[in-house]
Protein backbone atom coordinates (compact mmCIF):
# COMPACT_ATOMS: atom_id res chain seq x y z
CA MET A 1 86.61 82.30 86.70
CA ILE A 2 85.30 85.86 86.98
CA GLU A 3 85.10 85.68 90.76
CA GLN A 4 88.58 84.13 91.11
CA ASP A 5 90.21 86.73 88.86
CA THR A 6 88.29 89.50 90.64
CA ILE A 7 89.53 88.39 94.05
CA LYS A 8 93.11 87.98 92.82
CA LEU A 9 93.12 91.42 91.19
CA LEU A 10 91.65 93.01 94.31
CA ARG A 11 94.33 91.34 96.44
CA GLU A 12 97.08 92.77 94.25
CA CYS A 13 95.48 96.21 94.38
CA ASP A 14 95.25 95.86 98.16
CA ALA A 15 98.95 95.07 98.41
CA GLY A 16 99.78 97.91 96.00
CA VAL A 17 97.78 100.48 97.94
CA LYS A 18 99.38 99.41 101.21
CA MET A 19 102.85 99.58 99.67
CA GLY A 20 102.14 103.06 98.30
CA VAL A 21 100.88 104.41 101.63
CA SER A 22 103.81 102.84 103.47
CA SER A 23 106.33 104.29 101.02
CA ILE A 24 104.88 107.78 101.28
CA ASP A 25 104.87 107.53 105.09
CA GLU A 26 108.55 106.55 105.05
CA VAL A 27 109.66 109.67 103.19
CA LEU A 28 107.29 112.41 104.37
CA GLU A 29 109.46 113.57 107.26
CA TYR A 30 112.37 114.18 104.86
CA VAL A 31 110.46 116.50 102.50
CA ASP A 32 111.31 120.19 102.77
CA SER A 33 109.03 121.63 100.11
CA LYS A 34 105.57 122.37 101.47
CA GLU A 35 104.05 121.88 98.02
CA PHE A 36 105.76 118.50 97.53
CA LYS A 37 104.67 117.38 100.98
CA LYS A 38 101.10 118.46 100.19
CA GLU A 39 101.13 116.47 96.92
CA LEU A 40 102.39 113.37 98.73
CA ILE A 41 99.77 113.68 101.47
CA ASN A 42 97.00 114.16 98.89
CA CYS A 43 98.15 111.08 97.01
CA LYS A 44 98.32 109.09 100.23
CA ASN A 45 94.74 110.13 101.03
CA GLU A 46 93.60 109.07 97.55
CA HIS A 47 95.29 105.71 98.10
CA LYS A 48 93.39 105.34 101.37
CA LYS A 49 90.07 106.10 99.64
CA LEU A 50 90.79 103.39 97.08
CA ASP A 51 91.79 101.06 99.90
CA ASN A 52 88.36 101.56 101.50
CA GLU A 53 86.70 100.57 98.22
CA ILE A 54 88.99 97.55 97.90
CA GLN A 55 88.28 96.44 101.48
CA THR A 56 84.53 96.73 100.92
CA LEU A 57 84.75 94.48 97.87
CA LEU A 58 87.10 92.03 99.56
CA ASP A 59 84.68 91.82 102.49
CA LYS A 60 81.91 91.03 100.01
CA TYR A 61 83.98 88.07 98.79
CA ARG A 62 84.95 87.16 102.36
CA ASP A 63 88.62 87.66 101.59
CA ASP A 64 91.27 89.17 103.87
CA GLY A 65 93.22 90.82 101.07
CA LYS A 66 96.97 90.76 100.74
CA GLU A 67 99.88 92.40 102.48
CA PRO A 68 102.78 93.65 100.35
CA ASN A 69 105.52 91.11 99.74
CA PRO A 70 107.70 91.23 102.88
CA MET A 71 110.89 90.95 100.82
CA ALA A 72 109.86 93.80 98.51
CA LYS A 73 108.78 95.94 101.45
CA GLY A 74 112.02 95.24 103.32
CA MET A 75 114.17 96.01 100.29
CA SER A 76 112.23 99.23 99.72
CA ARG A 77 112.75 100.31 103.32
CA MET A 78 116.43 99.49 103.16
CA LYS A 79 116.92 101.40 99.88
CA THR A 80 114.99 104.36 101.27
CA GLY A 81 116.97 104.38 104.50
CA ILE A 82 120.33 104.20 102.78
CA LYS A 83 119.55 106.86 100.17
CA LEU A 84 118.09 109.26 102.71
CA ALA A 85 120.99 108.71 105.13
CA VAL A 86 123.40 109.79 102.40
CA ASN A 87 121.26 112.65 101.05
CA ASP A 88 117.94 113.63 102.60
CA SER A 89 116.95 116.18 99.96
CA ASP A 90 113.68 116.52 98.10
CA LYS A 91 115.54 115.27 95.01
CA THR A 92 116.30 111.99 96.75
CA VAL A 93 112.71 111.62 97.92
CA ALA A 94 111.46 112.41 94.40
CA ASP A 95 113.80 109.77 92.97
CA LEU A 96 112.56 107.15 95.43
CA ILE A 97 108.89 108.03 94.86
CA THR A 98 109.31 107.97 91.08
CA ASP A 99 110.93 104.52 91.22
CA GLY A 100 108.14 103.26 93.47
CA CYS A 101 105.41 104.67 91.23
CA ASN A 102 106.99 103.13 88.14
CA MET A 103 107.22 99.73 89.82
CA GLY A 104 103.61 100.04 90.96
CA VAL A 105 102.37 100.92 87.49
CA LYS A 106 104.31 98.05 85.97
CA SER A 107 103.09 95.48 88.52
CA LEU A 108 99.47 96.61 88.51
CA SER A 109 99.37 96.69 84.71
CA ARG A 110 100.72 93.15 84.64
CA TYR A 111 98.02 91.99 87.08
CA LEU A 112 95.31 93.82 85.15
CA ASN A 113 96.32 91.84 82.07
CA LYS A 114 96.79 88.58 83.97
CA TYR A 115 93.36 88.71 85.63
CA ALA A 116 91.47 89.83 82.53
CA ALA A 117 88.32 87.97 83.60
CA ALA A 118 87.95 90.15 86.72
CA ASP A 119 84.75 92.15 86.98
CA GLU A 120 84.64 95.70 85.64
CA VAL A 121 84.41 97.31 89.09
CA SER A 122 87.69 95.73 90.16
CA LYS A 123 89.37 96.55 86.87
CA ASP A 124 88.25 100.16 87.28
CA ILE A 125 89.78 100.32 90.77
CA CYS A 126 93.02 98.93 89.41
CA LYS A 127 93.04 101.46 86.56
CA ARG A 128 92.40 104.30 89.00
CA LEU A 129 95.27 103.10 91.18
CA ILE A 130 97.55 102.96 88.14
CA SER A 131 96.43 106.46 87.21
CA LEU A 132 97.20 107.71 90.72
CA GLU A 133 100.71 106.27 90.52
CA GLU A 134 101.29 107.76 87.06
CA LYS A 135 100.04 111.16 88.19
CA LEU A 136 102.32 111.18 91.25
CA ALA A 137 105.33 110.21 89.14
CA ILE A 138 104.59 113.17 86.84
CA GLN A 139 104.03 115.60 89.73
CA THR A 140 107.28 114.46 91.30
CA ARG A 141 109.42 115.20 88.25
CA GLU A 142 109.85 118.86 89.14
CA TYR A 143 111.63 117.82 92.36
CA LEU A 144 114.15 115.50 90.67
């Protein structure tokens, strides 16, 4: 049970990290504030570091990980495209990023509870990813 929950939690973290990086990539070109752009890039780099840890563990379990849900990713892209087409300000980007962070925190927290038998290393990665998302949502507030 421990190994199954560990793999499942790592897969969800993998999908979450990929979704986060993809979302940040989608909005970066629309950011005017140098400081905001720097914060987004730093967060993206932290996501990538966690992704490396996740991939190492998934490789250990001989698992390919998980891509973000195509429907969720498509809807996110569509929402981002529409909102930025109407208003490409930092406020719009901050709104989109905040929504994404909140959804990430909610989903990852649900998976952390669902896969309670996962090993402590995987739980720690998930908690760090949640923390990253929470921190970005807080940093983004000043741009709303």
